[in-house]
Amino acid sequence: MEKNICLLITLFLISGLFCFTGCETTRTTKGAGIGTAAGAAVGAIIGHQSDHRTGGAVIGGVVGGAVGALIGRRLDNQAKELEQVQGMESVKVDQENQKIEAILKINFDVDKDIIKPAEATKLNDLAGVFSHYPENIVVLEGHTDSDGSEAYNQTLSEKRVRAAENYLRGKNLNIASLSSVGYGETRPVASNETSEGKAQNRRVEIKISVDPSRVPQNQ
């Protein structure tokens, strides 16, 4: 007997995010615009400290725009690569909240936290994508349904999410950081009154933010 869990991958972009279905020019321009605004704000602060507010904002805007466009292209490319991961159910973009969410279905045996061969293949694909993006800051969050005691589910979520973390660590990913935390049954996304809802609640969420200092500049 198996239990399904979902890998929910949420990518938060510090400098900008782009429409996943729009044209490349639109995505890059939007990223540059957000980056320009962020860079101008930082530049203005620096300029204020040196009595060159306008100049600081202009310089910061130019630099921020370039960085925003670069990070934007890389985020867009990463989202496209995530679509090709085995078992990936969906990749969605939320421009307003500046994030990408991808859901990957994996299975654990009942009450077990061992990564099975078929699921390892999916994690291998995921690791392959992450290996291209050294700027990724990855946090894994483990969740369960409400079957069993709250204490038991807390422990199970920690074991499962740690198993996923350890598996990815075994791939020697050159990313900014990788960590995990278990939440047990405390953060359901669906009703635990139905089998379908329980299946949605058994999941690992992977949240990814970006460390701009690790973004390759030669692209």
Protein backbone atom coordinates (compact mmCIF):
# COMPACT_ATOMS: atom_id res chain seq x y z
CA MET A 1 0.00 0.00 0.00
CA GLU A 2 1.27 3.45 -0.89
CA LYS A 3 0.62 6.99 0.15
CA ASN A 4 1.01 9.83 -2.32
CA ILE A 5 2.65 13.06 -1.36
CA CYS A 6 3.12 16.18 -3.40
CA LEU A 7 6.31 18.15 -3.85
CA LEU A 8 5.20 21.77 -4.03
CA ILE A 9 8.03 23.91 -5.35
CA THR A 10 7.65 27.61 -4.68
CA LEU A 11 10.21 29.93 -6.23
CA PHE A 12 10.37 33.46 -4.85
CA LEU A 13 12.36 35.94 -6.88
CA ILE A 14 14.08 38.80 -5.08
CA SER A 15 14.53 41.02 -8.10
CA GLY A 16 11.66 40.14 -10.45
CA LEU A 17 9.35 37.52 -11.96
CA PHE A 18 8.05 37.00 -15.46
CA CYS A 19 4.98 35.78 -17.21
CA PHE A 20 5.48 32.08 -17.88
CA THR A 21 3.38 32.07 -21.04
CA GLY A 22 4.30 35.46 -22.44
CA CYS A 23 7.01 36.26 -24.96
CA GLU A 24 10.68 36.35 -23.96
CA THR A 25 10.92 40.11 -24.46
CA THR A 26 8.00 40.77 -22.12
CA ARG A 27 9.41 38.53 -19.40
CA THR A 28 12.87 40.06 -19.57
CA THR A 29 11.55 43.62 -19.71
CA LYS A 30 9.36 43.06 -16.66
CA GLY A 31 12.27 41.58 -14.76
CA ALA A 32 14.47 44.49 -15.72
CA GLY A 33 11.77 46.92 -14.60
CA ILE A 34 11.41 45.34 -11.18
CA GLY A 35 15.18 45.12 -10.86
CA THR A 36 15.50 48.78 -11.84
CA ALA A 37 13.05 49.83 -9.13
CA ALA A 38 14.84 47.75 -6.51
CA GLY A 39 18.25 48.97 -7.64
CA ALA A 40 17.12 52.58 -7.65
CA ALA A 41 15.85 52.27 -4.10
CA VAL A 42 19.16 50.86 -2.90
CA GLY A 43 21.10 53.40 -4.94
CA ALA A 44 19.08 56.24 -3.47
CA ILE A 45 19.95 55.12 0.04
CA ILE A 46 23.63 54.98 -0.84
CA GLY A 47 23.37 58.34 -2.58
CA HIS A 48 21.66 59.87 0.44
CA GLN A 49 24.56 58.83 2.62
CA SER A 50 26.98 60.57 0.26
CA ASP A 51 24.74 63.56 -0.64
CA HIS A 52 24.26 62.26 -4.21
CA ARG A 53 20.70 60.98 -4.02
CA THR A 54 19.75 61.37 -7.69
CA GLY A 55 23.01 59.96 -9.01
CA GLY A 56 22.82 57.05 -6.63
CA ALA A 57 19.28 56.24 -7.72
CA VAL A 58 20.22 56.37 -11.42
CA ILE A 59 23.27 54.16 -11.00
CA GLY A 60 21.37 51.79 -8.75
CA GLY A 61 18.55 51.64 -11.28
CA VAL A 62 20.87 50.74 -14.15
CA VAL A 63 22.65 48.04 -12.17
CA GLY A 64 19.41 46.76 -10.68
CA GLY A 65 17.78 46.59 -14.09
CA ALA A 66 20.61 44.50 -15.51
CA VAL A 67 20.63 42.14 -12.55
CA GLY A 68 16.84 41.90 -12.58
CA ALA A 69 16.82 40.97 -16.26
CA LEU A 70 19.50 38.32 -15.75
CA ILE A 71 17.81 36.76 -12.73
CA GLY A 72 14.52 36.90 -14.59
CA ARG A 73 15.83 34.96 -17.56
CA ARG A 74 17.31 32.35 -15.27
CA LEU A 75 14.11 31.99 -13.26
CA ASP A 76 12.12 31.62 -16.45
CA ASN A 77 14.54 29.00 -17.77
CA GLN A 78 14.41 27.10 -14.48
CA ALA A 79 10.61 27.02 -14.59
CA LYS A 80 10.71 25.57 -18.10
CA GLU A 81 13.17 22.91 -16.97
CA LEU A 82 10.94 22.03 -14.01
CA GLU A 83 8.14 21.26 -16.46
CA GLN A 84 10.28 18.45 -17.86
CA VAL A 85 10.87 16.73 -14.50
CA GLN A 86 9.31 13.26 -14.34
CA GLY A 87 6.13 13.27 -12.26
CA MET A 88 5.72 17.04 -12.46
CA GLU A 89 1.99 17.78 -12.36
CA SER A 90 1.96 21.52 -12.86
CA VAL A 91 4.08 24.65 -13.02
CA LYS A 92 2.22 27.87 -12.32
CA VAL A 93 3.31 31.50 -12.26
CA ASP A 94 1.82 34.12 -9.96
CA GLN A 95 3.12 37.45 -11.22
CA GLU A 96 1.39 39.53 -8.57
CA ASN A 97 3.03 37.65 -5.72
CA GLN A 98 6.26 37.05 -7.65
CA LYS A 99 6.49 33.26 -7.35
CA ILE A 100 6.39 30.04 -9.29
CA GLU A 101 4.75 26.93 -7.88
CA ALA A 102 5.39 23.45 -9.24
CA ILE A 103 3.80 20.25 -7.94
CA LEU A 104 5.65 16.95 -8.21
CA LYS A 105 3.84 13.75 -7.17
CA ILE A 106 5.89 11.20 -5.23
CA ASN A 107 4.92 8.14 -3.19
CA PHE A 108 5.90 6.82 0.24
CA ASP A 109 4.83 3.46 1.65
CA VAL A 110 2.46 3.77 4.60
CA ASP A 111 4.26 4.94 7.75
CA LYS A 112 7.60 4.86 5.91
CA ASP A 113 10.12 7.56 5.06
CA ILE A 114 12.29 5.63 2.60
CA ILE A 115 12.76 7.07 -0.88
CA LYS A 116 11.78 4.29 -3.30
CA PRO A 117 13.60 3.75 -6.64
CA ALA A 118 10.77 5.13 -8.77
CA GLU A 119 10.61 8.27 -6.65
CA ALA A 120 14.39 8.58 -6.61
CA THR A 121 14.23 8.97 -10.39
CA LYS A 122 12.00 12.01 -9.97
CA LEU A 123 14.30 13.51 -7.35
CA ASN A 124 17.25 12.87 -9.67
CA ASP A 125 15.52 14.96 -12.32
CA LEU A 126 14.82 17.68 -9.76
CA ALA A 127 18.43 17.68 -8.63
CA GLY A 128 19.50 17.97 -12.25
CA VAL A 129 17.52 21.19 -12.61
CA PHE A 130 18.81 22.63 -9.33
CA SER A 131 22.41 21.90 -10.33
CA HIS A 132 22.12 24.57 -13.05
CA TYR A 133 21.16 27.28 -10.57
CA PRO A 134 23.80 27.88 -7.85
CA GLU A 135 21.81 30.90 -6.65
CA ASN A 136 18.99 28.70 -5.30
CA ILE A 137 18.21 28.86 -1.58
CA VAL A 138 16.10 25.74 -1.00
CA VAL A 139 13.92 25.03 2.03
CA LEU A 140 11.99 21.74 2.18
CA GLU A 141 8.80 21.62 4.27
CA GLY A 142 7.20 18.28 5.21
CA HIS A 143 3.44 17.85 5.76
CA THR A 144 1.06 14.95 6.54
CA ASP A 145 -2.67 14.27 6.71
CA SER A 146 -4.47 13.93 10.05
CA ASP A 147 -4.44 10.12 10.30
CA GLY A 148 -2.70 9.12 13.53
CA SER A 149 -1.76 11.30 16.46
CA GLU A 150 -0.48 14.83 16.03
CA ALA A 151 2.84 13.91 17.64
CA TYR A 152 3.27 10.89 15.37
CA ASN A 153 2.51 12.93 12.25
CA GLN A 154 4.96 15.62 13.31
CA THR A 155 7.72 13.04 13.58
CA LEU A 156 6.74 11.37 10.30
CA SER A 157 6.79 14.68 8.42
CA GLU A 158 10.26 15.43 9.77
CA LYS A 159 11.56 12.01 8.76
CA ARG A 160 10.15 12.20 5.24
CA VAL A 161 11.32 15.70 4.53
CA ARG A 162 14.75 14.85 5.95
CA ALA A 163 14.89 11.81 3.66
CA ALA A 164 14.23 14.06 0.67
CA GLU A 165 16.83 16.56 1.88
CA ASN A 166 19.46 13.88 2.43
CA TYR A 167 18.79 12.38 -0.97
CA LEU A 168 19.31 15.75 -2.66
CA ARG A 169 22.42 16.39 -0.58
CA GLY A 170 23.79 13.12 -1.87
CA LYS A 171 23.74 14.67 -5.34
CA ASN A 172 26.34 17.25 -4.23
CA LEU A 173 24.29 20.20 -5.39
CA ASN A 174 26.27 23.41 -5.67
CA ILE A 175 23.45 25.66 -4.46
CA ALA A 176 23.46 28.47 -1.92
CA SER A 177 21.78 26.42 0.80
CA LEU A 178 19.48 23.44 1.47
CA SER A 179 17.50 22.87 4.67
CA SER A 180 14.30 21.17 5.84
CA VAL A 181 11.55 21.47 8.45
CA GLY A 182 8.52 19.31 9.32
CA TYR A 183 5.05 20.68 10.11
CA GLY A 184 3.11 17.45 10.60
CA GLU A 185 -0.65 17.91 10.15
CA THR A 186 -0.73 21.57 11.23
CA ARG A 187 -0.85 23.16 7.76
CA PRO A 188 -3.44 21.33 5.63
CA VAL A 189 -4.23 22.62 2.15
CA ALA A 190 -7.40 20.53 1.80
CA SER A 191 -10.00 18.78 3.96
CA ASN A 192 -8.89 15.68 5.84
CA GLU A 193 -12.46 14.35 5.65
CA THR A 194 -11.90 12.79 2.22
CA SER A 195 -9.20 10.54 0.77
CA GLU A 196 -8.59 13.09 -1.98
CA GLY A 197 -8.02 15.84 0.55
CA LYS A 198 -5.69 13.69 2.61
CA ALA A 199 -3.65 12.93 -0.51
CA GLN A 200 -3.19 16.66 -1.07
CA ASN A 201 -2.13 17.20 2.52
CA ARG A 202 0.58 14.53 2.38
CA ARG A 203 3.25 16.59 0.69
CA VAL A 204 6.68 18.15 0.78
CA GLU A 205 6.88 21.81 -0.17
CA ILE A 206 10.14 23.06 -1.63
CA LYS A 207 10.59 26.81 -1.39
CA ILE A 208 13.32 28.45 -3.40
CA SER A 209 14.57 32.01 -3.10
CA VAL A 210 17.52 33.57 -4.92
CA ASP A 211 20.91 34.72 -3.67
CA PRO A 212 21.82 37.41 -6.26
CA SER A 213 25.51 37.23 -5.35
CA ARG A 214 25.65 33.67 -6.70
CA VAL A 215 24.00 34.38 -10.04
CA PRO A 216 26.52 33.70 -12.85
CA GLN A 217 27.32 37.02 -14.54
CA ASN A 218 28.61 35.60 -17.83
CA GLN A 219 25.20 34.85 -19.32
